Amino acid sequence: MKTIHVLLMSGLFAVSAVTSVHAAGDIAKGESTFTAKGCIGCHGPAGDSQAPEMFPKLKGRDEAYILTQLTDFKSGKRVGTTMNPMASTLTEEDINNIAAYISSNK
């Protein structure tokens, strides 16, 4: 019984470690990418859109939300006339970095 408990805990730890490594992004690179890729043009500085009725505010969103949305736009799972082409240029690293940057803006 103790062996099963140890194995289960080890497995949970391994899954947790892999998940956190995958989503960890660089905030400074994310800010640079957010600006360089033109995200700032619609979503505003730090994701604080000045026209939220047209371009959603991203500031204050959590990292998982941004990761999901950008990944879904990139894959075509989520459709948006502007966002699909924009997201298609992003690498996985770009997406992780942008998500880290946006989630750091409270």
N, C-alpha and C. Protein backbone atom coordinates (compact mmCIF):
# COMPACT_ATOMS: atom_id res chain seq x y z
N MET A 1 0.83 -1.19 0.00
CA MET A 1 0.00 0.00 0.00
C MET A 1 0.87 1.25 0.00
N LYS A 2 1.94 1.21 0.80
CA LYS A 2 2.82 2.38 0.87
C LYS A 2 3.50 2.61 -0.49
N THR A 3 3.84 1.54 -1.18
CA THR A 3 4.48 1.65 -2.50
C THR A 3 3.54 2.33 -3.49
N ILE A 4 2.28 1.98 -3.49
CA ILE A 4 1.30 2.59 -4.39
C ILE A 4 1.17 4.08 -4.09
N HIS A 5 1.13 4.44 -2.83
CA HIS A 5 1.03 5.84 -2.43
C HIS A 5 2.24 6.63 -2.93
N VAL A 6 3.42 6.08 -2.77
CA VAL A 6 4.65 6.74 -3.22
C VAL A 6 4.62 6.90 -4.74
N LEU A 7 4.21 5.87 -5.46
CA LEU A 7 4.14 5.93 -6.93
C LEU A 7 3.13 6.99 -7.39
N LEU A 8 1.98 7.03 -6.77
CA LEU A 8 0.98 8.03 -7.12
C LEU A 8 1.49 9.44 -6.88
N MET A 9 2.11 9.66 -5.75
CA MET A 9 2.64 10.99 -5.43
C MET A 9 3.76 11.38 -6.40
N SER A 10 4.60 10.43 -6.76
CA SER A 10 5.67 10.69 -7.71
C SER A 10 5.11 11.07 -9.07
N GLY A 11 4.07 10.36 -9.48
CA GLY A 11 3.42 10.65 -10.77
C GLY A 11 2.80 12.03 -10.79
N LEU A 12 2.12 12.39 -9.72
CA LEU A 12 1.51 13.72 -9.63
C LEU A 12 2.57 14.81 -9.65
N PHE A 13 3.66 14.60 -8.97
CA PHE A 13 4.74 15.57 -8.96
C PHE A 13 5.32 15.74 -10.35
N ALA A 14 5.52 14.63 -11.06
CA ALA A 14 6.09 14.68 -12.42
C ALA A 14 5.18 15.43 -13.37
N VAL A 15 3.87 15.18 -13.31
CA VAL A 15 2.92 15.89 -14.17
C VAL A 15 2.91 17.36 -13.85
N SER A 16 2.93 17.70 -12.58
CA SER A 16 2.95 19.10 -12.15
C SER A 16 4.20 19.80 -12.65
N ALA A 17 5.33 19.16 -12.56
CA ALA A 17 6.59 19.76 -13.00
C ALA A 17 6.59 20.00 -14.51
N VAL A 18 6.10 19.04 -15.27
CA VAL A 18 6.06 19.19 -16.74
C VAL A 18 5.12 20.32 -17.12
N THR A 19 3.96 20.42 -16.50
CA THR A 19 2.99 21.46 -16.81
C THR A 19 3.56 22.83 -16.51
N SER A 20 4.22 23.02 -15.38
CA SER A 20 4.74 24.33 -15.04
C SER A 20 5.91 24.73 -15.93
N VAL A 21 6.70 23.77 -16.38
CA VAL A 21 7.81 24.08 -17.27
C VAL A 21 7.26 24.52 -18.62
N HIS A 22 6.23 23.84 -19.11
CA HIS A 22 5.65 24.16 -20.41
C HIS A 22 5.11 25.59 -20.44
N ALA A 23 4.46 26.04 -19.39
CA ALA A 23 3.78 27.32 -19.39
C ALA A 23 4.67 28.48 -18.96
N ALA A 24 5.83 28.19 -18.42
CA ALA A 24 6.69 29.25 -17.92
C ALA A 24 7.23 30.09 -19.07
N GLY A 25 6.95 31.37 -19.01
CA GLY A 25 7.43 32.28 -20.05
C GLY A 25 8.29 33.37 -19.44
N ASP A 26 8.96 34.09 -20.29
CA ASP A 26 9.82 35.19 -19.91
C ASP A 26 9.05 36.50 -20.06
N ILE A 27 8.82 37.19 -18.96
CA ILE A 27 8.02 38.41 -18.96
C ILE A 27 8.63 39.50 -19.84
N ALA A 28 9.92 39.72 -19.74
CA ALA A 28 10.58 40.77 -20.55
C ALA A 28 10.48 40.46 -22.04
N LYS A 29 10.71 39.20 -22.41
CA LYS A 29 10.59 38.81 -23.82
C LYS A 29 9.13 38.92 -24.26
N GLY A 30 8.22 38.60 -23.37
CA GLY A 30 6.80 38.71 -23.69
C GLY A 30 6.39 40.14 -23.98
N GLU A 31 6.90 41.07 -23.19
CA GLU A 31 6.61 42.49 -23.43
C GLU A 31 7.16 42.93 -24.78
N SER A 32 8.38 42.52 -25.07
CA SER A 32 9.01 42.85 -26.34
C SER A 32 8.23 42.27 -27.52
N THR A 33 7.82 41.02 -27.41
CA THR A 33 7.06 40.37 -28.47
C THR A 33 5.68 41.00 -28.63
N PHE A 34 5.03 41.32 -27.52
CA PHE A 34 3.71 41.96 -27.53
C PHE A 34 3.76 43.26 -28.33
N THR A 35 4.85 44.01 -28.15
CA THR A 35 5.03 45.27 -28.86
C THR A 35 5.44 45.02 -30.31
N ALA A 36 6.44 44.17 -30.52
CA ALA A 36 6.98 43.93 -31.86
C ALA A 36 5.96 43.30 -32.81
N LYS A 37 5.11 42.44 -32.30
CA LYS A 37 4.12 41.76 -33.16
C LYS A 37 2.88 42.61 -33.40
N GLY A 38 2.82 43.78 -32.78
CA GLY A 38 1.70 44.69 -33.01
C GLY A 38 0.50 44.50 -32.11
N CYS A 39 0.61 43.64 -31.12
CA CYS A 39 -0.52 43.39 -30.20
C CYS A 39 -0.95 44.68 -29.50
N ILE A 40 0.04 45.50 -29.21
CA ILE A 40 -0.19 46.76 -28.50
C ILE A 40 -1.12 47.69 -29.29
N GLY A 41 -1.11 47.55 -30.62
CA GLY A 41 -1.93 48.41 -31.47
C GLY A 41 -3.42 48.28 -31.19
N CYS A 42 -3.88 47.09 -30.92
CA CYS A 42 -5.30 46.85 -30.63
C CYS A 42 -5.58 46.72 -29.14
N HIS A 43 -4.73 45.96 -28.45
CA HIS A 43 -4.99 45.65 -27.05
C HIS A 43 -4.41 46.66 -26.08
N GLY A 44 -3.66 47.65 -26.59
CA GLY A 44 -3.14 48.73 -25.76
C GLY A 44 -1.91 48.35 -24.96
N PRO A 45 -1.25 49.37 -24.40
CA PRO A 45 -0.07 49.13 -23.56
C PRO A 45 -0.43 48.21 -22.40
N ALA A 46 0.39 47.20 -22.18
CA ALA A 46 0.19 46.23 -21.10
C ALA A 46 -1.15 45.49 -21.21
N GLY A 47 -1.76 45.51 -22.39
CA GLY A 47 -3.03 44.81 -22.59
C GLY A 47 -4.24 45.57 -22.08
N ASP A 48 -4.05 46.87 -21.80
CA ASP A 48 -5.12 47.70 -21.26
C ASP A 48 -5.81 48.46 -22.40
N SER A 49 -6.64 47.75 -23.15
CA SER A 49 -7.31 48.30 -24.34
C SER A 49 -8.09 49.57 -24.00
N GLN A 50 -7.97 50.55 -24.90
CA GLN A 50 -8.73 51.79 -24.73
C GLN A 50 -10.07 51.72 -25.48
N ALA A 51 -10.27 50.63 -26.22
CA ALA A 51 -11.53 50.41 -26.95
C ALA A 51 -11.99 48.97 -26.69
N PRO A 52 -12.33 48.65 -25.43
CA PRO A 52 -12.65 47.27 -25.08
C PRO A 52 -13.88 46.70 -25.81
N GLU A 53 -14.72 47.57 -26.34
CA GLU A 53 -15.87 47.07 -27.10
C GLU A 53 -15.43 46.47 -28.44
N MET A 54 -14.26 46.86 -28.91
CA MET A 54 -13.71 46.32 -30.17
C MET A 54 -12.56 45.35 -29.93
N PHE A 55 -11.69 45.70 -28.97
CA PHE A 55 -10.49 44.91 -28.70
C PHE A 55 -10.45 44.61 -27.20
N PRO A 56 -10.59 43.36 -26.82
CA PRO A 56 -10.69 43.02 -25.40
C PRO A 56 -9.48 43.45 -24.58
N LYS A 57 -9.78 43.86 -23.34
CA LYS A 57 -8.71 44.12 -22.38
C LYS A 57 -8.12 42.78 -21.98
N LEU A 58 -6.83 42.69 -22.02
CA LEU A 58 -6.14 41.47 -21.61
C LEU A 58 -5.53 41.63 -20.23
N LYS A 59 -5.26 42.87 -19.85
CA LYS A 59 -4.65 43.15 -18.55
C LYS A 59 -5.47 42.48 -17.44
N GLY A 60 -4.76 41.75 -16.57
CA GLY A 60 -5.42 41.10 -15.45
C GLY A 60 -5.85 39.66 -15.74
N ARG A 61 -5.77 39.24 -17.00
CA ARG A 61 -6.12 37.85 -17.34
C ARG A 61 -5.01 36.92 -16.86
N ASP A 62 -5.39 35.71 -16.49
CA ASP A 62 -4.36 34.79 -16.01
C ASP A 62 -3.63 34.13 -17.18
N GLU A 63 -2.48 33.59 -16.88
CA GLU A 63 -1.58 33.01 -17.88
C GLU A 63 -2.25 31.88 -18.66
N ALA A 64 -2.97 31.01 -17.98
CA ALA A 64 -3.62 29.87 -18.64
C ALA A 64 -4.64 30.35 -19.67
N TYR A 65 -5.37 31.40 -19.35
CA TYR A 65 -6.37 31.94 -20.28
C TYR A 65 -5.70 32.44 -21.56
N ILE A 66 -4.63 33.22 -21.42
CA ILE A 66 -3.92 33.77 -22.58
C ILE A 66 -3.31 32.63 -23.41
N LEU A 67 -2.69 31.67 -22.74
CA LEU A 67 -2.12 30.51 -23.45
C LEU A 67 -3.19 29.81 -24.29
N THR A 68 -4.33 29.56 -23.69
CA THR A 68 -5.41 28.86 -24.39
C THR A 68 -5.91 29.66 -25.58
N GLN A 69 -6.16 30.94 -25.37
CA GLN A 69 -6.72 31.75 -26.44
C GLN A 69 -5.75 31.86 -27.62
N LEU A 70 -4.49 32.16 -27.34
CA LEU A 70 -3.51 32.29 -28.43
C LEU A 70 -3.29 30.96 -29.16
N THR A 71 -3.24 29.87 -28.41
CA THR A 71 -3.08 28.55 -29.02
C THR A 71 -4.28 28.21 -29.89
N ASP A 72 -5.48 28.52 -29.41
CA ASP A 72 -6.70 28.24 -30.17
C ASP A 72 -6.79 29.11 -31.43
N PHE A 73 -6.39 30.37 -31.34
CA PHE A 73 -6.37 31.22 -32.54
C PHE A 73 -5.34 30.70 -33.54
N LYS A 74 -4.18 30.32 -33.05
CA LYS A 74 -3.12 29.82 -33.94
C LYS A 74 -3.56 28.55 -34.66
N SER A 75 -4.22 27.64 -33.96
CA SER A 75 -4.63 26.36 -34.57
C SER A 75 -5.89 26.49 -35.43
N GLY A 76 -6.63 27.59 -35.25
CA GLY A 76 -7.89 27.75 -35.96
C GLY A 76 -9.08 27.22 -35.18
N LYS A 77 -8.82 26.69 -34.00
CA LYS A 77 -9.92 26.19 -33.16
C LYS A 77 -10.85 27.35 -32.79
N ARG A 78 -10.27 28.52 -32.58
CA ARG A 78 -11.05 29.73 -32.35
C ARG A 78 -10.86 30.63 -33.56
N VAL A 79 -11.94 31.18 -34.06
CA VAL A 79 -11.88 31.97 -35.29
C VAL A 79 -12.04 33.45 -34.98
N GLY A 80 -11.13 34.23 -35.52
CA GLY A 80 -11.17 35.68 -35.41
C GLY A 80 -10.44 36.26 -36.62
N THR A 81 -11.11 37.11 -37.37
CA THR A 81 -10.57 37.65 -38.61
C THR A 81 -9.18 38.24 -38.43
N THR A 82 -8.96 38.96 -37.37
CA THR A 82 -7.67 39.59 -37.13
C THR A 82 -6.73 38.65 -36.38
N MET A 83 -7.26 37.95 -35.38
CA MET A 83 -6.39 37.17 -34.50
C MET A 83 -5.82 35.90 -35.13
N ASN A 84 -6.52 35.25 -36.02
CA ASN A 84 -5.96 34.04 -36.64
C ASN A 84 -4.66 34.34 -37.38
N PRO A 85 -4.64 35.36 -38.27
CA PRO A 85 -3.37 35.65 -38.94
C PRO A 85 -2.28 36.14 -37.98
N MET A 86 -2.68 36.91 -36.98
CA MET A 86 -1.69 37.42 -36.01
C MET A 86 -1.08 36.25 -35.23
N ALA A 87 -1.92 35.36 -34.72
CA ALA A 87 -1.44 34.24 -33.91
C ALA A 87 -0.64 33.24 -34.74
N SER A 88 -0.94 33.15 -36.03
CA SER A 88 -0.23 32.18 -36.87
C SER A 88 1.27 32.47 -36.97
N THR A 89 1.67 33.70 -36.67
CA THR A 89 3.09 34.07 -36.73
C THR A 89 3.82 33.81 -35.41
N LEU A 90 3.07 33.43 -34.38
CA LEU A 90 3.67 33.23 -33.06
C LEU A 90 4.22 31.82 -32.89
N THR A 91 5.39 31.73 -32.28
CA THR A 91 5.94 30.43 -31.91
C THR A 91 5.37 30.04 -30.55
N GLU A 92 5.58 28.81 -30.15
CA GLU A 92 5.15 28.37 -28.82
C GLU A 92 5.85 29.21 -27.75
N GLU A 93 7.12 29.51 -27.97
CA GLU A 93 7.86 30.35 -27.03
C GLU A 93 7.24 31.75 -26.96
N ASP A 94 6.89 32.32 -28.10
CA ASP A 94 6.23 33.63 -28.12
C ASP A 94 4.95 33.60 -27.29
N ILE A 95 4.15 32.58 -27.50
CA ILE A 95 2.87 32.45 -26.79
C ILE A 95 3.10 32.35 -25.29
N ASN A 96 4.06 31.53 -24.88
CA ASN A 96 4.37 31.41 -23.44
C ASN A 96 4.85 32.74 -22.87
N ASN A 97 5.69 33.45 -23.62
CA ASN A 97 6.22 34.72 -23.14
C ASN A 97 5.15 35.79 -23.06
N ILE A 98 4.29 35.87 -24.08
CA ILE A 98 3.21 36.85 -24.05
C ILE A 98 2.26 36.55 -22.90
N ALA A 99 1.95 35.29 -22.69
CA ALA A 99 1.06 34.91 -21.57
C ALA A 99 1.66 35.29 -20.23
N ALA A 100 2.96 35.09 -20.08
CA ALA A 100 3.64 35.47 -18.83
C ALA A 100 3.59 36.99 -18.65
N TYR A 101 3.82 37.73 -19.72
CA TYR A 101 3.81 39.20 -19.65
C TYR A 101 2.41 39.70 -19.29
N ILE A 102 1.39 39.26 -20.02
CA ILE A 102 0.04 39.74 -19.77
C ILE A 102 -0.40 39.41 -18.35
N SER A 103 -0.12 38.20 -17.90
CA SER A 103 -0.56 37.81 -16.55
C SER A 103 0.20 38.56 -15.46
N SER A 104 1.33 39.14 -15.80
CA SER A 104 2.09 39.92 -14.79
C SER A 104 1.54 41.34 -14.63
N ASN A 105 0.70 41.76 -15.54
CA ASN A 105 0.11 43.11 -15.49
C ASN A 105 -1.20 43.07 -14.72
N LYS A 106 -1.15 43.51 -13.51
CA LYS A 106 -2.35 43.47 -12.65
C LYS A 106 -3.05 44.79 -12.60
